[in-house]
Amino acid sequence: KTSVRLVPRHLRTMMDKAAEAGEEIPIAVVNGADPVFLLAGAMSFDEPLDEILVASALHERLYGSQLRVIELSNGVLAPADSEYVMEARITLMKEEEGPYVDITGTVDDVRMEPVIIYDAVHHRNSPIFHALIPAGVEHMTLMGMPRAPTIKSAVSEVVDCTDVYLTEGGSGWLSSVVQISTKKKGDGMRAIQAALDGHKSMKQVIVVDEDIDVTDSTRVEWALMTRWQPDKDTLILSNQKGSSLDPSRSSDGTTSKIGMDATIDPNIDKSPFESVL
């Protein structure tokens, strides 16, 4: 058996409803699945969308073939070509979960979480166990990358958003660089607020123009040093919902957040701000 941290997503909602009815939830614990399945599973959707359908669409798009799935004896569908598939149940029991290293490389909180009981293990011949290293590139990619389109969608509601990058220094989770096409004064500040609303765990946002590569930290800092004035181009918010992954948060879970607008005012001559190198 193991305990499992269930964050507020679909599975947590299902578990809470089952617990109210005194029922367990049949699940499949999958190891060594195709990357499209991992990516789909890492995504979050407001609507009740089946992540297997998302994985199937990605699989067909990338490989030109359908994702093969099998139905386990407990009625749960699982990817057929995984290295390991474990039939299990989320029970009504709870145990301490943790401590463990999370995406920031720090140790996350120990919580009382549901216990999983394993009933059967299936595997391929000579299976390879996929060990995902905490705070490594895979962890940041799977956890952080799906947030980029979420942030972009939120920012696009208020301005023309052209790119989003969750930074490595922010562990792919707490900090982002947002690229926009400015049309009117104040677009940068509007983008900051929308980005923070689009990803509640985020603590820092830097907004840049289209000529700045959001993945190049040197160019982003250059934009800050040549286009940003701290006293008028900075948004600081207090008493905001924080992330448990940030050990500097307050004891009540709140944090302050910062946004920096490193865009050029679209109403002025841009030539003094443009790099000639």
C-alpha atoms as a PDB file:
ATOM      1  CA  LYS A   1       0.000   0.000   0.000  1.00  0.00           C
ATOM      2  CA  THR A   2       0.966   3.638  -0.410  1.00  0.00           C
ATOM      3  CA  SER A   3      -0.505   7.002   0.486  1.00  0.00           C
ATOM      4  CA  VAL A   4      -1.128   9.580  -2.228  1.00  0.00           C
ATOM      5  CA  ARG A   5      -1.290  13.366  -2.358  1.00  0.00           C
ATOM      6  CA  LEU A   6      -4.456  14.306  -4.228  1.00  0.00           C
ATOM      7  CA  VAL A   7      -4.536  17.984  -5.191  1.00  0.00           C
ATOM      8  CA  PRO A   8      -7.875  19.688  -6.028  1.00  0.00           C
ATOM      9  CA  ARG A   9      -8.438  18.155  -9.464  1.00  0.00           C
ATOM     10  CA  HIS A  10     -10.884  15.642 -10.938  1.00  0.00           C
ATOM     11  CA  LEU A  11      -9.607  12.660  -8.957  1.00  0.00           C
ATOM     12  CA  ARG A  12      -9.868  14.580  -5.687  1.00  0.00           C
ATOM     13  CA  THR A  13     -13.465  15.504  -6.511  1.00  0.00           C
ATOM     14  CA  MET A  14     -14.253  11.862  -7.310  1.00  0.00           C
ATOM     15  CA  MET A  15     -12.620  10.717  -4.084  1.00  0.00           C
ATOM     16  CA  ASP A  16     -14.517  13.243  -1.952  1.00  0.00           C
ATOM     17  CA  LYS A  17     -17.842  12.162  -3.460  1.00  0.00           C
ATOM     18  CA  ALA A  18     -16.998   8.484  -2.981  1.00  0.00           C
ATOM     19  CA  ALA A  19     -15.951   9.103   0.627  1.00  0.00           C
ATOM     20  CA  GLU A  20     -19.306  10.753   1.353  1.00  0.00           C
ATOM     21  CA  ALA A  21     -20.985   7.566   0.109  1.00  0.00           C
ATOM     22  CA  GLY A  22     -18.549   5.339   2.005  1.00  0.00           C
ATOM     23  CA  GLU A  23     -17.139   3.894  -1.215  1.00  0.00           C
ATOM     24  CA  GLU A  24     -13.668   3.155  -2.545  1.00  0.00           C
ATOM     25  CA  ILE A  25     -12.473   4.223  -6.003  1.00  0.00           C
ATOM     26  CA  PRO A  26     -11.016   1.644  -8.422  1.00  0.00           C
ATOM     27  CA  ILE A  27      -7.953   3.035 -10.184  1.00  0.00           C
ATOM     28  CA  ALA A  28      -4.997   2.041 -12.335  1.00  0.00           C
ATOM     29  CA  VAL A  29      -1.502   3.116 -11.324  1.00  0.00           C
ATOM     30  CA  VAL A  30       0.556   3.289 -14.514  1.00  0.00           C
ATOM     31  CA  ASN A  31       4.332   3.376 -14.852  1.00  0.00           C
ATOM     32  CA  GLY A  32       6.293   3.712 -18.068  1.00  0.00           C
ATOM     33  CA  ALA A  33       3.465   4.952 -20.274  1.00  0.00           C
ATOM     34  CA  ASP A  34       3.910   6.803 -23.554  1.00  0.00           C
ATOM     35  CA  PRO A  35       4.842  10.483 -22.962  1.00  0.00           C
ATOM     36  CA  VAL A  36       1.535  11.646 -24.473  1.00  0.00           C
ATOM     37  CA  PHE A  37      -0.262   9.830 -21.663  1.00  0.00           C
ATOM     38  CA  LEU A  38       1.960  11.456 -19.058  1.00  0.00           C
ATOM     39  CA  LEU A  39       1.385  14.894 -20.566  1.00  0.00           C
ATOM     40  CA  ALA A  40      -2.378  14.449 -20.760  1.00  0.00           C
ATOM     41  CA  GLY A  41      -2.463  13.212 -17.182  1.00  0.00           C
ATOM     42  CA  ALA A  42      -0.551  16.298 -16.051  1.00  0.00           C
ATOM     43  CA  MET A  43      -3.093  18.659 -17.603  1.00  0.00           C
ATOM     44  CA  SER A  44      -5.959  20.263 -15.695  1.00  0.00           C
ATOM     45  CA  PHE A  45      -9.364  20.990 -17.168  1.00  0.00           C
ATOM     46  CA  ASP A  46     -12.275  22.890 -15.657  1.00  0.00           C
ATOM     47  CA  GLU A  47     -14.794  20.752 -17.517  1.00  0.00           C
ATOM     48  CA  PRO A  48     -15.096  16.973 -16.890  1.00  0.00           C
ATOM     49  CA  LEU A  49     -12.872  15.995 -19.822  1.00  0.00           C
ATOM     50  CA  ASP A  50     -11.412  12.482 -19.947  1.00  0.00           C
ATOM     51  CA  GLU A  51      -7.618  12.759 -20.074  1.00  0.00           C
ATOM     52  CA  ILE A  52      -7.431   9.455 -21.986  1.00  0.00           C
ATOM     53  CA  LEU A  53      -9.244  11.189 -24.855  1.00  0.00           C
ATOM     54  CA  VAL A  54      -6.631  13.949 -24.764  1.00  0.00           C
ATOM     55  CA  ALA A  55      -3.827  11.375 -24.775  1.00  0.00           C
ATOM     56  CA  SER A  56      -5.478   9.576 -27.703  1.00  0.00           C
ATOM     57  CA  ALA A  57      -5.710  12.808 -29.687  1.00  0.00           C
ATOM     58  CA  LEU A  58      -2.053  13.616 -29.017  1.00  0.00           C
ATOM     59  CA  HIS A  59      -1.013  10.061 -29.921  1.00  0.00           C
ATOM     60  CA  GLU A  60      -2.846  10.173 -33.245  1.00  0.00           C
ATOM     61  CA  ARG A  61      -1.442  13.627 -33.994  1.00  0.00           C
ATOM     62  CA  LEU A  62       2.157  12.628 -33.257  1.00  0.00           C
ATOM     63  CA  TYR A  63       2.262   9.007 -34.424  1.00  0.00           C
ATOM     64  CA  GLY A  64      -0.643   8.770 -36.848  1.00  0.00           C
ATOM     65  CA  SER A  65      -2.120   5.840 -34.927  1.00  0.00           C
ATOM     66  CA  GLN A  66      -4.583   5.299 -32.118  1.00  0.00           C
ATOM     67  CA  LEU A  67      -3.543   4.901 -28.494  1.00  0.00           C
ATOM     68  CA  ARG A  68      -4.102   1.292 -27.435  1.00  0.00           C
ATOM     69  CA  VAL A  69      -5.922   0.832 -24.139  1.00  0.00           C
ATOM     70  CA  ILE A  70      -7.033  -2.195 -22.148  1.00  0.00           C
ATOM     71  CA  GLU A  71      -9.795  -2.634 -19.595  1.00  0.00           C
ATOM     72  CA  LEU A  72      -8.629  -4.026 -16.278  1.00  0.00           C
ATOM     73  CA  SER A  73     -10.634  -6.429 -14.145  1.00  0.00           C
ATOM     74  CA  ASN A  74     -11.727  -3.481 -11.973  1.00  0.00           C
ATOM     75  CA  GLY A  75     -13.249  -1.750 -15.009  1.00  0.00           C
ATOM     76  CA  VAL A  76     -10.585   0.950 -15.376  1.00  0.00           C
ATOM     77  CA  LEU A  77      -8.996   1.686 -18.762  1.00  0.00           C
ATOM     78  CA  ALA A  78      -5.190   1.838 -18.946  1.00  0.00           C
ATOM     79  CA  PRO A  79      -2.646   2.340 -21.768  1.00  0.00           C
ATOM     80  CA  ALA A  80      -1.850  -1.123 -23.141  1.00  0.00           C
ATOM     81  CA  ASP A  81       1.808  -0.481 -23.946  1.00  0.00           C
ATOM     82  CA  SER A  82       2.867   0.672 -20.478  1.00  0.00           C
ATOM     83  CA  GLU A  83       5.763  -0.980 -18.691  1.00  0.00           C
ATOM     84  CA  TYR A  84       3.666  -1.540 -15.549  1.00  0.00           C
ATOM     85  CA  VAL A  85      -0.066  -1.293 -14.812  1.00  0.00           C
ATOM     86  CA  MET A  86      -1.251  -1.820 -11.246  1.00  0.00           C
ATOM     87  CA  GLU A  87      -4.872  -2.452 -10.327  1.00  0.00           C
ATOM     88  CA  ALA A  88      -5.628  -0.620  -7.110  1.00  0.00           C
ATOM     89  CA  ARG A  89      -8.203   1.118  -4.911  1.00  0.00           C
ATOM     90  CA  ILE A  90      -8.263   4.505  -3.210  1.00  0.00           C
ATOM     91  CA  THR A  91      -9.572   3.550   0.213  1.00  0.00           C
ATOM     92  CA  LEU A  92     -11.258   5.487   3.005  1.00  0.00           C
ATOM     93  CA  MET A  93      -8.158   5.101   5.188  1.00  0.00           C
ATOM     94  CA  LYS A  94      -5.692   7.971   5.627  1.00  0.00           C
ATOM     95  CA  GLU A  95      -2.022   8.023   6.572  1.00  0.00           C
ATOM     96  CA  GLU A  96       0.789  10.548   6.630  1.00  0.00           C
ATOM     97  CA  GLU A  97       2.055  11.229   3.118  1.00  0.00           C
ATOM     98  CA  GLY A  98       5.612  12.498   2.923  1.00  0.00           C
ATOM     99  CA  PRO A  99       7.985  14.051   3.540  1.00  0.00           C
ATOM    100  CA  TYR A 100       9.173  14.127  -0.060  1.00  0.00           C
ATOM    101  CA  VAL A 101      11.068  16.407  -2.424  1.00  0.00           C
ATOM    102  CA  ASP A 102       8.828  18.419  -4.739  1.00  0.00           C
ATOM    103  CA  ILE A 103       9.406  20.484  -7.878  1.00  0.00           C
ATOM    104  CA  THR A 104      11.268  23.285  -6.074  1.00  0.00           C
ATOM    105  CA  GLY A 105      13.856  20.876  -4.690  1.00  0.00           C
ATOM    106  CA  THR A 106      12.583  21.571  -1.177  1.00  0.00           C
ATOM    107  CA  VAL A 107      10.682  19.184   1.085  1.00  0.00           C
ATOM    108  CA  ASP A 108       6.906  19.598   0.898  1.00  0.00           C
ATOM    109  CA  ASP A 109       4.499  19.439   3.836  1.00  0.00           C
ATOM    110  CA  VAL A 110       3.488  16.126   5.414  1.00  0.00           C
ATOM    111  CA  ARG A 111      -0.268  15.654   5.108  1.00  0.00           C
ATOM    112  CA  MET A 112      -2.882  13.080   6.035  1.00  0.00           C
ATOM    113  CA  GLU A 113      -3.844  11.620   2.665  1.00  0.00           C
ATOM    114  CA  PRO A 114      -5.807   8.626   1.293  1.00  0.00           C
ATOM    115  CA  VAL A 115      -4.268   5.163   1.255  1.00  0.00           C
ATOM    116  CA  ILE A 116      -4.050   3.146  -1.974  1.00  0.00           C
ATOM    117  CA  ILE A 117      -4.290  -0.647  -1.777  1.00  0.00           C
ATOM    118  CA  TYR A 118      -2.806  -2.612  -4.695  1.00  0.00           C
ATOM    119  CA  ASP A 119      -4.648  -5.732  -5.854  1.00  0.00           C
ATOM    120  CA  ALA A 120      -2.684  -6.808  -8.943  1.00  0.00           C
ATOM    121  CA  VAL A 121       0.412  -5.885 -10.936  1.00  0.00           C
ATOM    122  CA  HIS A 122       0.750  -6.380 -14.706  1.00  0.00           C
ATOM    123  CA  HIS A 123       3.941  -5.733 -16.660  1.00  0.00           C
ATOM    124  CA  ARG A 124       5.612  -6.292 -19.994  1.00  0.00           C
ATOM    125  CA  ASN A 125       8.367  -8.844 -20.469  1.00  0.00           C
ATOM    126  CA  SER A 126      11.599  -7.400 -19.026  1.00  0.00           C
ATOM    127  CA  PRO A 127       9.859  -4.187 -17.941  1.00  0.00           C
ATOM    128  CA  ILE A 128      11.708  -0.916 -17.396  1.00  0.00           C
ATOM    129  CA  PHE A 129      10.644   1.084 -14.349  1.00  0.00           C
ATOM    130  CA  HIS A 130      10.350   4.793 -15.097  1.00  0.00           C
ATOM    131  CA  ALA A 131      11.823   6.727 -12.157  1.00  0.00           C
ATOM    132  CA  LEU A 132      10.898  10.395 -12.389  1.00  0.00           C
ATOM    133  CA  ILE A 133      13.498  12.444 -10.497  1.00  0.00           C
ATOM    134  CA  PRO A 134      11.957  15.085  -8.199  1.00  0.00           C
ATOM    135  CA  ALA A 135      12.733  18.665  -9.297  1.00  0.00           C
ATOM    136  CA  GLY A 136      14.317  17.327 -12.496  1.00  0.00           C
ATOM    137  CA  VAL A 137      13.598  18.352 -16.070  1.00  0.00           C
ATOM    138  CA  GLU A 138      10.829  15.767 -16.503  1.00  0.00           C
ATOM    139  CA  HIS A 139       9.122  16.902 -13.313  1.00  0.00           C
ATOM    140  CA  MET A 140       9.215  20.572 -14.330  1.00  0.00           C
ATOM    141  CA  THR A 141       8.080  19.771 -17.864  1.00  0.00           C
ATOM    142  CA  LEU A 142       5.123  17.609 -16.881  1.00  0.00           C
ATOM    143  CA  MET A 143       3.985  19.836 -14.038  1.00  0.00           C
ATOM    144  CA  GLY A 144       4.788  23.271 -15.429  1.00  0.00           C
ATOM    145  CA  MET A 145       4.438  23.074 -19.207  1.00  0.00           C
ATOM    146  CA  PRO A 146       0.663  22.429 -19.192  1.00  0.00           C
ATOM    147  CA  ARG A 147       0.271  25.701 -17.243  1.00  0.00           C
ATOM    148  CA  ALA A 148       1.673  27.767 -20.113  1.00  0.00           C
ATOM    149  CA  PRO A 149      -1.450  27.465 -22.326  1.00  0.00           C
ATOM    150  CA  THR A 150      -3.619  28.107 -19.256  1.00  0.00           C
ATOM    151  CA  ILE A 151      -1.768  31.351 -18.571  1.00  0.00           C
ATOM    152  CA  LYS A 152      -1.774  32.287 -22.259  1.00  0.00           C
ATOM    153  CA  SER A 153      -5.519  31.746 -22.463  1.00  0.00           C
ATOM    154  CA  ALA A 154      -6.115  33.957 -19.420  1.00  0.00           C
ATOM    155  CA  VAL A 155      -3.854  36.740 -20.696  1.00  0.00           C
ATOM    156  CA  SER A 156      -5.389  36.548 -24.177  1.00  0.00           C
ATOM    157  CA  GLU A 157      -8.700  37.557 -22.622  1.00  0.00           C
ATOM    158  CA  VAL A 158      -7.323  41.066 -22.027  1.00  0.00           C
ATOM    159  CA  VAL A 159      -4.400  41.578 -24.449  1.00  0.00           C
ATOM    160  CA  ASP A 160      -2.758  39.924 -27.458  1.00  0.00           C
ATOM    161  CA  CYS A 161      -0.573  37.240 -25.820  1.00  0.00           C
ATOM    162  CA  THR A 162       2.027  35.647 -28.100  1.00  0.00           C
ATOM    163  CA  ASP A 163       4.078  33.390 -25.790  1.00  0.00           C
ATOM    164  CA  VAL A 164       4.443  32.147 -22.204  1.00  0.00           C
ATOM    165  CA  TYR A 165       7.366  30.444 -20.491  1.00  0.00           C
ATOM    166  CA  LEU A 166       7.524  28.972 -16.985  1.00  0.00           C
ATOM    167  CA  THR A 167      11.112  29.662 -15.933  1.00  0.00           C
ATOM    168  CA  GLU A 168      13.642  27.132 -14.671  1.00  0.00           C
ATOM    169  CA  GLY A 169      14.570  29.436 -11.792  1.00  0.00           C
ATOM    170  CA  GLY A 170      10.930  29.384 -10.754  1.00  0.00           C
ATOM    171  CA  SER A 171      11.034  25.580 -10.891  1.00  0.00           C
ATOM    172  CA  GLY A 172       8.666  25.591 -13.854  1.00  0.00           C
ATOM    173  CA  TRP A 173       5.860  26.603 -11.498  1.00  0.00           C
ATOM    174  CA  LEU A 174       6.269  29.826  -9.506  1.00  0.00           C
ATOM    175  CA  SER A 175       7.565  32.311 -12.102  1.00  0.00           C
ATOM    176  CA  SER A 176       6.794  33.062 -15.740  1.00  0.00           C
ATOM    177  CA  VAL A 177       7.713  35.348 -18.601  1.00  0.00           C
ATOM    178  CA  VAL A 178       4.762  36.486 -20.716  1.00  0.00           C
ATOM    179  CA  GLN A 179       5.220  37.934 -24.195  1.00  0.00           C
ATOM    180  CA  ILE A 180       2.543  40.269 -25.557  1.00  0.00           C
ATOM    181  CA  SER A 181       1.870  42.535 -28.510  1.00  0.00           C
ATOM    182  CA  THR A 182       1.079  45.890 -26.936  1.00  0.00           C
ATOM    183  CA  LYS A 183      -1.694  47.931 -28.483  1.00  0.00           C
ATOM    184  CA  LYS A 184      -2.348  50.560 -25.821  1.00  0.00           C
ATOM    185  CA  LYS A 185      -0.847  51.931 -22.642  1.00  0.00           C
ATOM    186  CA  GLY A 186      -1.475  49.671 -19.661  1.00  0.00           C
ATOM    187  CA  ASP A 187      -1.474  46.400 -21.606  1.00  0.00           C
ATOM    188  CA  GLY A 188       1.523  45.165 -19.631  1.00  0.00           C
ATOM    189  CA  MET A 189      -0.180  45.660 -16.276  1.00  0.00           C
ATOM    190  CA  ARG A 190      -3.358  44.052 -17.540  1.00  0.00           C
ATOM    191  CA  ALA A 191      -1.308  41.070 -18.707  1.00  0.00           C
ATOM    192  CA  ILE A 192       0.321  40.732 -15.273  1.00  0.00           C
ATOM    193  CA  GLN A 193      -2.987  40.577 -13.439  1.00  0.00           C
ATOM    194  CA  ALA A 194      -4.474  38.125 -15.944  1.00  0.00           C
ATOM    195  CA  ALA A 195      -1.421  35.853 -15.766  1.00  0.00           C
ATOM    196  CA  LEU A 196      -1.582  35.694 -11.967  1.00  0.00           C
ATOM    197  CA  ASP A 197      -5.296  34.929 -12.174  1.00  0.00           C
ATOM    198  CA  GLY A 198      -4.582  32.220 -14.751  1.00  0.00           C
ATOM    199  CA  HIS A 199      -2.152  30.342 -12.503  1.00  0.00           C
ATOM    200  CA  LYS A 200      -2.893  30.907  -8.822  1.00  0.00           C
ATOM    201  CA  SER A 201       0.322  29.294  -7.589  1.00  0.00           C
ATOM    202  CA  MET A 202       2.491  31.738  -9.515  1.00  0.00           C
ATOM    203  CA  LYS A 203       4.452  34.307  -7.525  1.00  0.00           C
ATOM    204  CA  GLN A 204       6.232  36.359 -10.189  1.00  0.00           C
ATOM    205  CA  VAL A 205       5.414  37.516 -13.720  1.00  0.00           C
ATOM    206  CA  ILE A 206       7.582  39.461 -16.141  1.00  0.00           C
ATOM    207  CA  VAL A 207       5.865  40.839 -19.247  1.00  0.00           C
ATOM    208  CA  VAL A 208       7.955  41.570 -22.351  1.00  0.00           C
ATOM    209  CA  ASP A 209       7.521  42.677 -25.960  1.00  0.00           C
ATOM    210  CA  GLU A 210       7.598  40.423 -29.018  1.00  0.00           C
ATOM    211  CA  ASP A 211      11.302  41.099 -29.686  1.00  0.00           C
ATOM    212  CA  ILE A 212      12.299  39.391 -26.430  1.00  0.00           C
ATOM    213  CA  ASP A 213      12.783  35.604 -26.356  1.00  0.00           C
ATOM    214  CA  VAL A 214      10.889  34.462 -23.258  1.00  0.00           C
ATOM    215  CA  THR A 215      13.192  31.441 -22.858  1.00  0.00           C
ATOM    216  CA  ASP A 216      16.376  33.561 -22.807  1.00  0.00           C
ATOM    217  CA  SER A 217      16.897  34.765 -19.237  1.00  0.00           C
ATOM    218  CA  THR A 218      19.665  37.166 -20.310  1.00  0.00           C
ATOM    219  CA  ARG A 219      17.409  38.920 -22.822  1.00  0.00           C
ATOM    220  CA  VAL A 220      14.565  39.042 -20.302  1.00  0.00           C
ATOM    221  CA  GLU A 221      16.846  40.704 -17.750  1.00  0.00           C
ATOM    222  CA  TRP A 222      18.073  43.074 -20.468  1.00  0.00           C
ATOM    223  CA  ALA A 223      14.467  44.076 -21.155  1.00  0.00           C
ATOM    224  CA  LEU A 224      13.969  44.765 -17.453  1.00  0.00           C
ATOM    225  CA  MET A 225      17.109  46.879 -17.203  1.00  0.00           C
ATOM    226  CA  THR A 226      16.321  48.986 -20.292  1.00  0.00           C
ATOM    227  CA  ARG A 227      12.506  49.187 -20.336  1.00  0.00           C
ATOM    228  CA  TRP A 228      11.272  48.797 -16.758  1.00  0.00           C
ATOM    229  CA  GLN A 229      11.005  51.449 -14.048  1.00  0.00           C
ATOM    230  CA  PRO A 230      10.447  49.790 -10.647  1.00  0.00           C
ATOM    231  CA  ASP A 231       8.373  52.609  -9.159  1.00  0.00           C
ATOM    232  CA  LYS A 232       5.750  52.742 -11.912  1.00  0.00           C
ATOM    233  CA  ASP A 233       6.001  49.471 -13.855  1.00  0.00           C
ATOM    234  CA  THR A 234       5.622  47.094 -10.908  1.00  0.00           C
ATOM    235  CA  LEU A 235       2.508  45.462  -9.474  1.00  0.00           C
ATOM    236  CA  ILE A 236       2.755  44.061  -5.945  1.00  0.00           C
ATOM    237  CA  LEU A 237      -0.172  42.168  -4.442  1.00  0.00           C
ATOM    238  CA  SER A 238      -0.418  41.202  -0.778  1.00  0.00           C
ATOM    239  CA  ASN A 239      -2.345  38.460   1.026  1.00  0.00           C
ATOM    240  CA  GLN A 240      -2.690  36.305  -2.073  1.00  0.00           C
ATOM    241  CA  LYS A 241      -3.251  32.553  -2.292  1.00  0.00           C
ATOM    242  CA  GLY A 242       0.178  30.991  -2.061  1.00  0.00           C
ATOM    243  CA  SER A 243       1.665  27.668  -3.046  1.00  0.00           C
ATOM    244  CA  SER A 244       2.649  25.015  -0.512  1.00  0.00           C
ATOM    245  CA  LEU A 245       5.760  24.593  -2.667  1.00  0.00           C
ATOM    246  CA  ASP A 246       6.980  28.024  -1.512  1.00  0.00           C
ATOM    247  CA  PRO A 247       8.520  27.689   1.973  1.00  0.00           C
ATOM    248  CA  SER A 248       8.583  31.494   2.363  1.00  0.00           C
ATOM    249  CA  ARG A 249       4.790  31.763   2.384  1.00  0.00           C
ATOM    250  CA  SER A 250       2.963  32.907   5.514  1.00  0.00           C
ATOM    251  CA  SER A 251       1.726  30.411   8.083  1.00  0.00           C
ATOM    252  CA  ASP A 252      -1.846  30.880   6.810  1.00  0.00           C
ATOM    253  CA  GLY A 253      -0.781  29.885   3.284  1.00  0.00           C
ATOM    254  CA  THR A 254      -0.842  33.387   1.803  1.00  0.00           C
ATOM    255  CA  THR A 255       1.940  35.161  -0.045  1.00  0.00           C
ATOM    256  CA  SER A 256       2.702  38.420  -1.801  1.00  0.00           C
ATOM    257  CA  LYS A 257       3.144  38.439  -5.571  1.00  0.00           C
ATOM    258  CA  ILE A 258       5.006  40.656  -8.001  1.00  0.00           C
ATOM    259  CA  GLY A 259       4.602  41.542 -11.652  1.00  0.00           C
ATOM    260  CA  MET A 260       7.071  43.569 -13.720  1.00  0.00           C
ATOM    261  CA  ASP A 261       6.088  45.299 -16.945  1.00  0.00           C
ATOM    262  CA  ALA A 262       9.129  45.385 -19.234  1.00  0.00           C
ATOM    263  CA  THR A 263       7.181  46.419 -22.337  1.00  0.00           C
ATOM    264  CA  ILE A 264       7.636  49.645 -24.286  1.00  0.00           C
ATOM    265  CA  ASP A 265       4.806  52.153 -24.196  1.00  0.00           C
ATOM    266  CA  PRO A 266       3.200  51.743 -27.654  1.00  0.00           C
ATOM    267  CA  ASN A 267       2.503  55.492 -27.829  1.00  0.00           C
ATOM    268  CA  ILE A 268       6.159  56.564 -27.863  1.00  0.00           C
ATOM    269  CA  ASP A 269       9.096  56.221 -30.254  1.00  0.00           C
ATOM    270  CA  LYS A 270      10.427  52.682 -29.723  1.00  0.00           C
ATOM    271  CA  SER A 271      13.781  53.152 -31.474  1.00  0.00           C
ATOM    272  CA  PRO A 272      15.747  54.165 -28.333  1.00  0.00           C
ATOM    273  CA  PHE A 273      14.659  50.896 -26.671  1.00  0.00           C
ATOM    274  CA  GLU A 274      15.483  48.542 -29.536  1.00  0.00           C
ATOM    275  CA  SER A 275      18.697  46.537 -29.572  1.00  0.00           C
ATOM    276  CA  VAL A 276      20.896  47.071 -32.625  1.00  0.00           C
ATOM    277  CA  LEU A 277      23.084  44.066 -31.821  1.00  0.00           C
END
